[in-house]
Protein backbone atom coordinates (compact mmCIF):
# COMPACT_ATOMS: atom_id res chain seq x y z
CA MET A 1 -0.01 -5.14 12.85
CA ARG A 2 0.72 -8.07 10.75
CA PHE A 3 0.98 -8.34 6.58
CA ASP A 4 1.16 -11.80 5.01
CA VAL A 5 2.27 -11.20 1.44
CA VAL A 6 1.58 -14.27 -1.07
CA THR A 7 3.71 -13.89 -4.05
CA LEU A 8 5.82 -15.92 -6.67
CA PHE A 9 8.87 -13.49 -6.04
CA PRO A 10 9.25 -13.05 -2.09
CA ALA A 11 12.88 -11.86 -3.20
CA ILE A 12 11.75 -8.68 -4.44
CA PHE A 13 10.77 -7.66 -0.90
CA ASP A 14 14.43 -8.28 0.54
CA GLY A 15 15.58 -4.85 0.06
CA TYR A 16 12.23 -2.98 0.64
CA LEU A 17 11.96 -4.46 4.20
CA THR A 18 15.14 -3.54 5.28
CA GLN A 19 15.13 0.20 4.76
CA SER A 20 13.96 3.35 6.62
CA LEU A 21 10.87 3.78 8.72
CA LEU A 22 9.56 0.44 7.72
CA ASN A 23 12.82 -1.31 8.89
CA LYS A 24 12.40 0.47 12.27
CA ALA A 25 9.00 -0.44 12.57
CA ILE A 26 9.62 -3.97 12.05
CA GLU A 27 12.93 -3.83 14.63
CA ASN A 28 10.37 -1.96 16.86
CA GLN A 29 7.90 -4.85 16.56
CA LEU A 30 5.10 -2.41 15.49
CA VAL A 31 4.51 -4.59 12.58
CA GLU A 32 5.32 -7.81 11.31
CA ILE A 33 5.64 -8.64 7.63
CA GLN A 34 6.06 -12.23 6.32
CA CYS A 35 6.29 -13.27 2.64
CA HIS A 36 4.99 -16.71 1.52
CA ASN A 37 6.31 -18.29 -1.64
CA LEU A 38 3.45 -19.54 -3.47
CA ARG A 39 5.53 -22.22 -5.07
CA ASP A 40 5.82 -24.07 -1.76
CA TRP A 41 2.16 -24.96 -2.32
CA SER A 42 2.64 -26.46 -6.00
CA THR A 43 1.77 -29.83 -6.42
CA ASP A 44 4.30 -30.09 -9.19
CA ASP A 45 7.43 -31.40 -7.27
CA LYS A 46 9.92 -31.21 -9.98
CA HIS A 47 9.29 -27.53 -11.50
CA HIS A 48 6.94 -26.24 -8.74
CA LYS A 49 4.71 -24.91 -11.70
CA ILE A 50 1.74 -23.03 -10.54
CA ASP A 51 0.39 -21.77 -14.02
CA ASP A 52 -1.32 -23.09 -16.76
CA ARG A 53 -3.10 -21.88 -20.04
CA PRO A 54 -6.31 -20.52 -19.99
CA PHE A 55 -9.44 -22.71 -20.99
CA GLY A 56 -10.89 -21.27 -24.07
CA GLY A 57 -7.53 -20.04 -25.55
CA GLY A 58 -6.02 -16.62 -25.28
CA PRO A 59 -2.40 -15.40 -24.70
CA GLY A 60 -0.47 -15.80 -21.52
CA MET A 61 -0.94 -17.85 -18.29
CA LEU A 62 -3.19 -18.06 -15.22
CA ILE A 63 -2.05 -18.63 -11.75
CA GLN A 64 -4.04 -22.03 -10.71
CA ALA A 65 -6.40 -22.00 -7.93
CA PRO A 66 -5.25 -25.06 -5.91
CA PRO A 67 -2.08 -23.67 -4.63
CA VAL A 68 -3.44 -20.27 -3.69
CA VAL A 69 -6.44 -21.44 -1.99
CA ASP A 70 -4.27 -24.16 -0.17
CA CYS A 71 -1.66 -21.54 0.71
CA VAL A 72 -3.91 -19.06 2.30
CA GLU A 73 -5.78 -21.75 4.17
CA GLU A 74 -2.95 -23.04 5.79
CA ILE A 75 -1.20 -19.58 6.56
CA GLU A 76 -4.57 -18.83 8.29
CA SER A 77 -4.96 -21.96 10.12
CA ASN A 78 -1.65 -21.38 11.96
CA GLU A 79 -2.87 -17.89 13.45
CA ALA A 80 -5.30 -16.95 15.89
CA ARG A 81 -5.91 -13.41 14.30
CA PRO A 82 -8.14 -13.56 11.01
CA ALA A 83 -6.84 -11.74 7.93
CA ARG A 84 -8.47 -9.27 5.89
CA ARG A 85 -7.80 -10.71 2.52
CA ILE A 86 -6.63 -8.23 -0.42
CA LEU A 87 -6.07 -9.22 -3.92
CA LEU A 88 -4.25 -6.68 -5.90
CA SER A 89 -5.82 -6.31 -9.27
CA PRO A 90 -6.16 -3.23 -11.78
CA GLN A 91 -9.91 -4.29 -11.69
CA GLY A 92 -10.35 -3.73 -7.83
CA ARG A 93 -11.48 -0.87 -6.01
CA ARG A 94 -9.22 2.26 -6.20
CA PHE A 95 -7.10 2.46 -3.19
CA ASP A 96 -6.65 5.71 -1.51
CA GLN A 97 -5.80 7.46 1.74
CA GLN A 98 -9.39 7.00 3.34
CA LEU A 99 -9.03 3.11 2.97
CA ALA A 100 -5.04 3.22 4.11
CA GLU A 101 -6.51 4.70 7.19
CA GLU A 102 -9.11 2.02 7.36
CA PHE A 103 -6.59 -0.82 6.87
CA ALA A 104 -4.29 0.67 9.84
CA THR A 105 -7.08 -0.34 12.20
CA GLU A 106 -6.93 -3.89 11.13
CA PRO A 107 -4.66 -6.39 13.10
CA ARG A 108 -3.99 -8.19 9.94
CA LEU A 109 -3.85 -7.97 6.23
CA MET A 110 -3.01 -10.55 3.66
CA LEU A 111 -1.94 -9.15 0.40
CA LEU A 112 -2.32 -11.68 -2.86
CA CYS A 113 -0.07 -10.77 -5.62
CA GLY A 114 -0.81 -11.68 -9.10
CA ARG A 115 1.34 -12.50 -12.03
CA TYR A 116 0.87 -13.11 -15.65
CA GLU A 117 -2.58 -12.91 -16.74
CA GLY A 118 -4.00 -13.04 -13.19
CA PHE A 119 -5.51 -15.56 -10.98
CA ASP A 120 -8.00 -18.36 -11.98
CA GLN A 121 -11.44 -16.97 -11.02
CA ARG A 122 -12.09 -19.54 -8.43
CA VAL A 123 -9.40 -17.85 -6.16
CA ILE A 124 -11.79 -14.93 -6.10
CA ASP A 125 -14.81 -17.25 -5.76
CA ILE A 126 -13.58 -19.46 -3.13
CA LEU A 127 -11.51 -16.96 -0.87
CA GLU A 128 -13.79 -13.90 -1.38
CA PRO A 129 -10.84 -11.33 -1.25
CA GLU A 130 -11.46 -7.60 -1.66
CA GLU A 131 -10.12 -6.70 -5.03
CA LEU A 132 -8.00 -3.61 -4.99
CA SER A 133 -6.22 -1.38 -7.40
CA VAL A 134 -3.54 1.12 -6.83
CA GLY A 135 -4.23 3.09 -10.28
CA ASP A 136 -5.83 2.77 -13.77
CA PHE A 137 -2.82 0.87 -15.14
CA VAL A 138 -1.11 -2.52 -15.28
CA LEU A 139 1.90 -3.65 -13.39
CA ASN A 140 3.78 -6.75 -14.04
CA GLY A 141 2.69 -7.98 -10.90
CA GLY A 142 1.20 -7.41 -7.59
CA GLU A 143 4.33 -7.25 -5.51
CA VAL A 144 4.78 -3.24 -6.27
CA ALA A 145 1.05 -2.45 -5.65
CA ALA A 146 1.45 -4.55 -2.38
CA MET A 147 4.58 -2.43 -1.18
CA VAL A 148 2.31 0.73 -1.78
CA VAL A 149 -0.46 -0.77 0.44
CA ILE A 150 2.09 -1.42 3.17
CA ASP A 151 4.07 1.74 2.89
CA ALA A 152 0.61 3.88 3.20
CA VAL A 153 -0.68 1.82 5.84
CA VAL A 154 2.40 1.30 8.29
CA ARG A 155 3.20 5.08 8.35
CA LEU A 156 -0.30 5.61 10.08
CA LEU A 157 0.52 3.02 12.82
CA PRO A 158 1.16 4.60 16.26
CA GLY A 159 4.82 4.90 17.14
CA VAL A 160 6.00 4.64 13.57
CA LEU A 161 6.67 8.08 12.45
CA GLY A 162 8.53 10.40 15.10
CA ASP A 163 5.43 12.58 15.80
CA GLU A 164 2.08 10.94 16.00
CA PHE A 165 0.48 14.12 14.21
CA SER A 166 3.10 13.76 11.40
CA SER A 167 0.65 12.31 9.01
CA PHE A 168 -2.34 14.45 10.08
CA ASP A 169 -1.95 17.07 7.47
CA ASP A 170 -0.73 14.92 4.67
CA SER A 171 -2.86 15.44 1.26
CA PHE A 172 -5.93 13.30 1.41
CA SER A 173 -5.37 12.65 5.09
CA ARG A 174 -8.00 12.29 8.02
CA GLY A 175 -6.74 15.98 8.95
CA ASN A 176 -6.98 17.21 5.45
CA ARG A 177 -9.03 15.88 2.65
CA MET A 178 -7.38 18.38 0.20
CA LEU A 179 -3.69 18.70 -0.92
CA GLU A 180 -1.10 19.83 1.40
CA PHE A 181 0.40 23.30 1.71
CA PRO A 182 3.69 24.00 0.33
CA GLN A 183 6.80 23.86 2.94
CA TYR A 184 10.22 25.43 2.78
CA THR A 185 13.40 25.04 4.75
CA ARG A 186 16.85 26.62 4.70
CA PRO A 187 18.38 28.31 2.83
CA ARG A 188 15.88 31.20 2.74
CA GLU A 189 16.93 32.30 -0.62
CA PHE A 190 17.94 29.90 -3.56
CA ARG A 191 18.43 31.03 -7.20
CA GLY A 192 16.24 33.94 -6.86
CA HIS A 193 13.33 31.84 -4.96
CA GLU A 194 12.71 33.08 -1.37
CA VAL A 195 10.68 31.63 1.46
CA PRO A 196 7.48 33.44 1.79
CA GLU A 197 7.72 36.32 4.37
CA VAL A 198 4.78 35.12 6.45
CA LEU A 199 6.71 31.93 7.51
CA LEU A 200 9.59 33.85 8.90
CA GLY A 201 7.67 36.33 11.14
CA GLY A 202 6.70 33.98 14.13
CA ASN A 203 2.78 34.82 13.97
CA HIS A 204 1.17 31.38 14.33
CA GLN A 205 -2.27 32.85 13.20
CA GLU A 206 -0.79 34.52 10.02
CA ILE A 207 1.07 31.09 9.15
CA ALA A 208 -2.23 29.06 9.79
CA ALA A 209 -4.28 31.36 7.47
CA TRP A 210 -1.49 31.41 4.90
CA ARG A 211 -1.23 27.59 4.78
CA ALA A 212 -5.24 27.14 4.79
CA ASP A 213 -5.12 29.57 1.60
CA GLN A 214 -2.47 27.67 0.08
CA ILE A 215 -4.39 24.50 0.64
CA GLN A 216 -7.49 25.78 -1.36
CA LYS A 217 -5.45 27.54 -4.00
CA ARG A 218 -3.36 24.40 -4.57
CA THR A 219 -6.37 21.99 -4.50
CA ALA A 220 -8.40 24.16 -6.84
CA GLU A 221 -5.42 24.40 -9.49
CA ARG A 222 -4.46 20.55 -9.43
CA ARG A 223 -7.40 18.81 -7.93
CA SER A 224 -10.52 20.62 -8.16
CA ASP A 225 -12.57 17.31 -7.92
CA LEU A 226 -11.60 17.43 -4.16
CA LEU A 227 -13.18 20.87 -3.19
């Protein structure tokens, strides 16, 4: 699977792409991530400016349409695989686990990261990307949101996790649309808190029943809307 990230600040991704499971997935050629500096498509040769004041007045600056459209069209012209275009925006569809699972079946995603007051509306009108939000809050830019999308999708790709069923019982996952059950490891007792006895007995039916009960209780307490 390939991700194309269009951003004004590609260096933000330098550390992120070299760590943990994501780095291993890249090394094992399970995923390819290319960051494209939007300033490379600026028509301002001196300052590589890509933003300007909004017509009609108002605070802040907007990312101009020409460099974004030119960037996306050039990137796609060099690749045989079409990209599913995603524009990170607080006004977009809410990102969730079901959408991550859907994205994981795509051969290629293009993530457009905004800055300042966002994009000129003509970016959306011409490129027709899907607008996607990671939550009801505003970030300084779309880069962190893009990392959220990449992280959620990459772990679902075959071969990325050590066990192909590792993500199956995650909260909100295809195997469990509710919250995951609590889990424990050594030591058996810590500061007066002990591991539930049922997990120590080796009876898999009892363990499965306890976990199912915990899923119901935890979801009812924390996210009753999921029941």
